[in-house]
Amino acid sequence: MGRLDGKVALITGGARGQGAAEARLFASEGAKVMIGDVLDADGELTAKDIGDGAAYRHHDVTNEDDWTAIVADTVEHFGKLDILVNNAGVFLVLPMAMTTLEAYERVIRINQTGTFLGMKAVTAPMVGANAGSIVNISSVAGINGSPGTIAYSASKWAVRGMTKVAALELAPFGVRVNSIHPGIVETPMLAELTQYGPAAMETVLKRIPTGKSMEAGEVAKLALFLASDDSAHCTGAEFVVDGGMTAGFGGPG
């Protein structure tokens, strides 16, 4: 028996990387999974890979109409919606003085506004069912500051705060809301660090007490716990998986 038997999950940014790992794990644990992303070819391939228990829809998390459509599609396709994983996000490493307003606002729109719109969009079906779990992917950058991540950190601190507010508002209706704060995860997004030279990753790894980054599947396992009934009494909380970075070392997420 799977830990998510009979449940339906919507996972944003699920075409590749961490989102795809979550989609595959959730499906293997019995969930039906709707994958949303703007990377259509990758998204279709991931859904096909998973099989009959998955579907893909083009989905821009910054667009409120897209949110309305994908929530409606999920309910129509699978009959209900039990779980939302707000996974979609972008990463930017630039000193504050070099960060343009346009670049800053793009990160905020995707990471922060996208999460807000997602929580808002799933409130009706989850409250109607008097049950649900929302898992917001934040970062260790939403707990500790780190040079060069002014936009990214701002967005991830916001996700942390919005999680607590939503948890308080939705608790009376049986809906739980928690945030995950990963450290350094081996995903395509992390590859952006290479543009800053070969020493960039080495510098980051030195700030992890365990001395190594994580596979996306390790974060997916924590998301599975929060999506499942195993975490029935967890809401409004932040869950860190970072190799010890926030134990005193800090660093970018």
Protein backbone atom coordinates (compact mmCIF):
# COMPACT_ATOMS: atom_id res chain seq x y z
CA MET A 1 0.00 0.00 0.00
CA GLY A 2 1.37 3.40 -1.02
CA ARG A 3 1.56 6.38 1.31
CA LEU A 4 -0.45 8.48 -1.16
CA ASP A 5 -2.99 5.89 -2.31
CA GLY A 6 -6.17 7.57 -3.53
CA LYS A 7 -4.67 11.09 -3.48
CA VAL A 8 -4.25 13.57 -6.32
CA ALA A 9 -1.28 15.94 -6.47
CA LEU A 10 -0.49 19.02 -8.54
CA ILE A 11 3.23 19.71 -8.85
CA THR A 12 4.52 22.91 -10.45
CA GLY A 13 7.87 23.03 -12.19
CA GLY A 14 7.47 19.28 -12.54
CA ALA A 15 8.99 18.82 -15.98
CA ARG A 16 12.52 18.13 -14.75
CA GLY A 17 14.82 18.27 -11.73
CA GLN A 18 13.32 18.37 -8.27
CA GLY A 19 9.72 18.64 -9.48
CA ALA A 20 10.07 15.59 -11.72
CA ALA A 21 11.61 13.64 -8.82
CA GLU A 22 8.61 14.56 -6.67
CA ALA A 23 6.17 13.58 -9.42
CA ARG A 24 7.79 10.16 -9.91
CA LEU A 25 7.98 9.44 -6.18
CA PHE A 26 4.39 10.53 -5.53
CA ALA A 27 3.14 8.34 -8.39
CA SER A 28 5.13 5.38 -7.09
CA GLU A 29 3.38 5.87 -3.74
CA GLY A 30 -0.07 5.68 -5.32
CA ALA A 31 -0.92 9.29 -6.19
CA LYS A 32 -2.34 10.59 -9.44
CA VAL A 33 -0.12 13.48 -10.51
CA MET A 34 -0.75 16.59 -12.59
CA ILE A 35 2.52 18.14 -13.75
CA GLY A 36 2.62 21.83 -14.59
CA ASP A 37 5.50 23.63 -16.28
CA VAL A 38 6.45 25.89 -19.19
CA LEU A 39 8.94 23.31 -20.50
CA ASP A 40 6.41 21.44 -22.60
CA ALA A 41 8.67 18.83 -24.22
CA ASP A 42 10.25 17.86 -20.90
CA GLY A 43 6.89 17.91 -19.14
CA GLU A 44 5.19 15.66 -21.68
CA LEU A 45 8.13 13.25 -21.49
CA THR A 46 8.06 13.11 -17.68
CA ALA A 47 4.31 12.44 -17.65
CA LYS A 48 4.69 9.74 -20.32
CA ASP A 49 7.51 8.19 -18.32
CA ILE A 50 5.33 7.96 -15.22
CA GLY A 51 2.42 6.45 -17.12
CA ASP A 52 -1.36 6.48 -16.73
CA GLY A 53 -1.18 8.02 -13.28
CA ALA A 54 0.21 11.31 -14.60
CA ALA A 55 -0.79 14.12 -16.93
CA TYR A 56 0.93 17.30 -18.09
CA ARG A 57 -0.43 20.80 -18.68
CA HIS A 58 1.38 23.94 -19.81
CA HIS A 59 1.36 26.22 -16.79
CA ASP A 60 2.92 29.62 -16.11
CA VAL A 61 2.84 30.10 -12.33
CA THR A 62 2.82 33.90 -12.70
CA ASN A 63 -0.46 33.81 -14.63
CA GLU A 64 -3.64 33.65 -12.52
CA ASP A 65 -5.70 32.34 -15.45
CA ASP A 66 -3.22 29.48 -15.89
CA TRP A 67 -3.72 28.60 -12.22
CA THR A 68 -7.49 28.57 -12.58
CA ALA A 69 -7.18 26.35 -15.65
CA ILE A 70 -4.76 23.79 -14.25
CA VAL A 71 -6.69 23.39 -10.99
CA ALA A 72 -9.91 22.88 -12.98
CA ASP A 73 -8.12 20.44 -15.33
CA THR A 74 -6.76 18.46 -12.37
CA VAL A 75 -10.17 18.12 -10.76
CA GLU A 76 -11.79 17.23 -14.09
CA HIS A 77 -9.08 14.71 -15.03
CA PHE A 78 -8.59 13.00 -11.67
CA GLY A 79 -11.78 13.88 -9.77
CA LYS A 80 -10.28 15.97 -6.96
CA LEU A 81 -7.17 17.73 -5.68
CA ASP A 82 -5.52 16.77 -2.38
CA ILE A 83 -1.94 18.03 -2.65
CA LEU A 84 -0.18 21.06 -4.11
CA VAL A 85 3.60 21.24 -4.32
CA ASN A 86 4.67 24.79 -5.19
CA ASN A 87 8.00 23.74 -6.65
CA ALA A 88 8.50 26.06 -9.65
CA GLY A 89 11.28 28.57 -9.15
CA VAL A 90 14.25 30.39 -10.62
CA PHE A 91 17.68 31.13 -9.18
CA LEU A 92 19.71 34.33 -9.57
CA VAL A 93 23.19 35.07 -8.24
CA LEU A 94 24.13 38.74 -8.54
CA PRO A 95 25.37 41.38 -6.08
CA MET A 96 22.60 43.76 -5.01
CA ALA A 97 24.23 46.71 -6.79
CA MET A 98 24.23 44.79 -10.08
CA THR A 99 20.67 43.44 -9.82
CA THR A 100 18.33 45.33 -12.13
CA LEU A 101 14.73 45.99 -11.15
CA GLU A 102 13.63 43.83 -14.07
CA ALA A 103 15.72 40.87 -12.89
CA TYR A 104 14.58 41.31 -9.29
CA GLU A 105 10.90 41.47 -10.23
CA ARG A 106 11.17 38.38 -12.46
CA VAL A 107 12.44 36.30 -9.53
CA ILE A 108 9.72 37.68 -7.25
CA ARG A 109 6.99 36.99 -9.82
CA ILE A 110 7.96 33.35 -10.27
CA ASN A 111 9.11 32.34 -6.79
CA GLN A 112 6.86 34.48 -4.59
CA THR A 113 3.81 35.55 -6.60
CA GLY A 114 3.58 32.11 -8.19
CA THR A 115 3.41 30.50 -4.74
CA PHE A 116 0.75 32.96 -3.57
CA LEU A 117 -1.39 32.35 -6.66
CA GLY A 118 -1.04 28.59 -6.21
CA MET A 119 -2.18 28.58 -2.59
CA LYS A 120 -5.08 30.85 -3.49
CA ALA A 121 -6.12 28.70 -6.47
CA VAL A 122 -6.32 25.42 -4.53
CA THR A 123 -8.08 26.85 -1.49
CA ALA A 124 -11.61 26.28 -2.83
CA PRO A 125 -11.30 22.56 -3.71
CA MET A 126 -9.30 21.75 -0.57
CA VAL A 127 -11.58 23.68 1.80
CA GLY A 128 -14.56 22.09 0.05
CA ALA A 129 -13.13 18.67 0.82
CA ASN A 130 -12.11 19.73 4.35
CA ALA A 131 -8.68 18.25 3.66
CA GLY A 132 -5.47 19.02 1.81
CA SER A 133 -1.74 19.53 2.02
CA ILE A 134 0.17 22.42 0.46
CA VAL A 135 3.96 22.05 0.32
CA ASN A 136 5.86 25.21 -0.57
CA ILE A 137 9.46 24.81 -1.68
CA SER A 138 11.49 27.62 -0.12
CA SER A 139 15.25 27.38 0.50
CA VAL A 140 17.93 27.76 3.15
CA ALA A 141 18.13 31.24 1.58
CA GLY A 142 14.74 31.78 3.22
CA ILE A 143 16.32 31.19 6.63
CA ASN A 144 19.84 32.66 6.39
CA GLY A 145 21.08 35.55 4.31
CA SER A 146 23.71 34.96 1.66
CA PRO A 147 25.68 37.49 -0.42
CA GLY A 148 24.66 37.67 -4.06
CA THR A 149 21.10 36.42 -3.60
CA ILE A 150 19.10 39.58 -2.88
CA ALA A 151 16.20 38.69 -5.19
CA TYR A 152 16.24 34.95 -4.54
CA SER A 153 16.47 35.37 -0.77
CA ALA A 154 13.69 37.96 -0.74
CA SER A 155 11.40 35.58 -2.60
CA LYS A 156 12.22 32.60 -0.39
CA TRP A 157 11.80 34.52 2.88
CA ALA A 158 8.40 35.57 1.52
CA VAL A 159 7.47 31.95 0.83
CA ARG A 160 8.38 31.10 4.41
CA GLY A 161 6.17 33.87 5.77
CA MET A 162 3.24 33.21 3.43
CA THR A 163 3.32 29.56 4.45
CA LYS A 164 2.69 30.46 8.08
CA VAL A 165 -0.14 32.88 7.27
CA ALA A 166 -1.86 30.37 4.96
CA ALA A 167 -1.45 27.62 7.55
CA LEU A 168 -3.23 29.71 10.17
CA GLU A 169 -6.02 30.70 7.80
CA LEU A 170 -6.64 27.20 6.45
CA ALA A 171 -6.16 25.08 9.59
CA PRO A 172 -9.85 25.34 10.59
CA PHE A 173 -10.75 23.79 7.23
CA GLY A 174 -8.48 20.76 7.45
CA VAL A 175 -5.81 22.10 5.08
CA ARG A 176 -2.14 21.95 6.12
CA VAL A 177 0.57 24.24 4.74
CA ASN A 178 4.31 23.69 5.28
CA SER A 179 7.56 24.83 3.70
CA ILE A 180 10.68 22.88 2.73
CA HIS A 181 14.06 24.59 2.85
CA PRO A 182 16.58 22.65 0.76
CA GLY A 183 20.28 23.37 0.66
CA ILE A 184 22.32 22.61 -2.45
CA VAL A 185 20.43 20.21 -4.74
CA GLU A 186 21.80 18.70 -7.94
CA THR A 187 19.31 20.07 -10.48
CA PRO A 188 19.55 21.93 -13.81
CA MET A 189 18.92 25.18 -11.90
CA LEU A 190 22.08 24.62 -9.88
CA ALA A 191 24.09 24.45 -13.10
CA GLU A 192 23.68 28.24 -13.36
CA LEU A 193 26.47 28.53 -10.79
CA THR A 194 28.98 27.35 -13.39
CA GLN A 195 28.72 30.69 -15.20
CA TYR A 196 30.62 32.20 -12.29
CA GLY A 197 33.65 30.00 -12.88
CA PRO A 198 34.84 26.54 -11.83
CA ALA A 199 35.55 27.66 -8.27
CA ALA A 200 31.94 28.72 -7.61
CA MET A 201 30.66 25.24 -6.79
CA GLU A 202 33.73 24.43 -4.73
CA THR A 203 33.13 27.56 -2.64
CA VAL A 204 29.51 26.60 -2.07
CA LEU A 205 30.36 23.03 -1.08
CA LYS A 206 32.79 24.31 1.57
CA ARG A 207 29.80 25.90 3.30
CA ILE A 208 28.03 22.55 3.71
CA PRO A 209 29.11 20.74 6.89
CA THR A 210 28.51 17.32 5.32
CA GLY A 211 30.69 18.40 2.39
CA LYS A 212 28.30 17.30 -0.35
CA SER A 213 25.20 18.38 -2.24
CA MET A 214 21.95 16.39 -2.43
CA GLU A 215 20.08 14.49 -5.08
CA ALA A 216 16.63 15.81 -5.95
CA GLY A 217 15.12 12.59 -4.61
CA GLU A 218 16.15 13.48 -1.07
CA VAL A 219 13.98 16.59 -1.14
CA ALA A 220 11.19 14.60 -2.79
CA LYS A 221 11.15 12.20 0.17
CA LEU A 222 10.55 15.09 2.56
CA ALA A 223 7.81 16.44 0.28
CA LEU A 224 6.23 12.96 0.32
CA PHE A 225 6.15 13.00 4.12
CA LEU A 226 4.46 16.41 4.18
CA ALA A 227 1.99 15.44 1.46
CA SER A 228 1.02 12.23 3.24
CA ASP A 229 -1.10 11.58 6.32
CA ASP A 230 2.13 10.74 8.17
CA SER A 231 2.46 14.48 8.81
CA ALA A 232 -1.17 14.99 9.90
CA HIS A 233 -0.18 17.29 12.79
CA CYS A 234 2.41 19.32 10.89
CA THR A 235 1.32 22.73 9.65
CA GLY A 236 2.83 26.20 9.51
CA ALA A 237 6.30 24.71 9.93
CA GLU A 238 9.57 24.84 8.04
CA PHE A 239 11.46 21.63 7.31
CA VAL A 240 15.15 21.92 6.52
CA VAL A 241 17.14 19.45 4.41
CA ASP A 242 20.52 21.06 3.87
CA GLY A 243 23.45 18.97 5.07
CA GLY A 244 23.81 21.23 8.11
CA MET A 245 24.11 24.58 6.30
CA THR A 246 21.69 26.38 8.63
CA ALA A 247 23.37 24.97 11.73
CA GLY A 248 25.69 27.97 11.56
CA PHE A 249 27.26 28.00 8.12
CA GLY A 250 24.49 29.65 6.09
CA GLY A 251 24.67 29.80 2.32
CA PRO A 252 22.59 30.08 -0.84
CA GLY A 253 19.79 27.63 -1.61
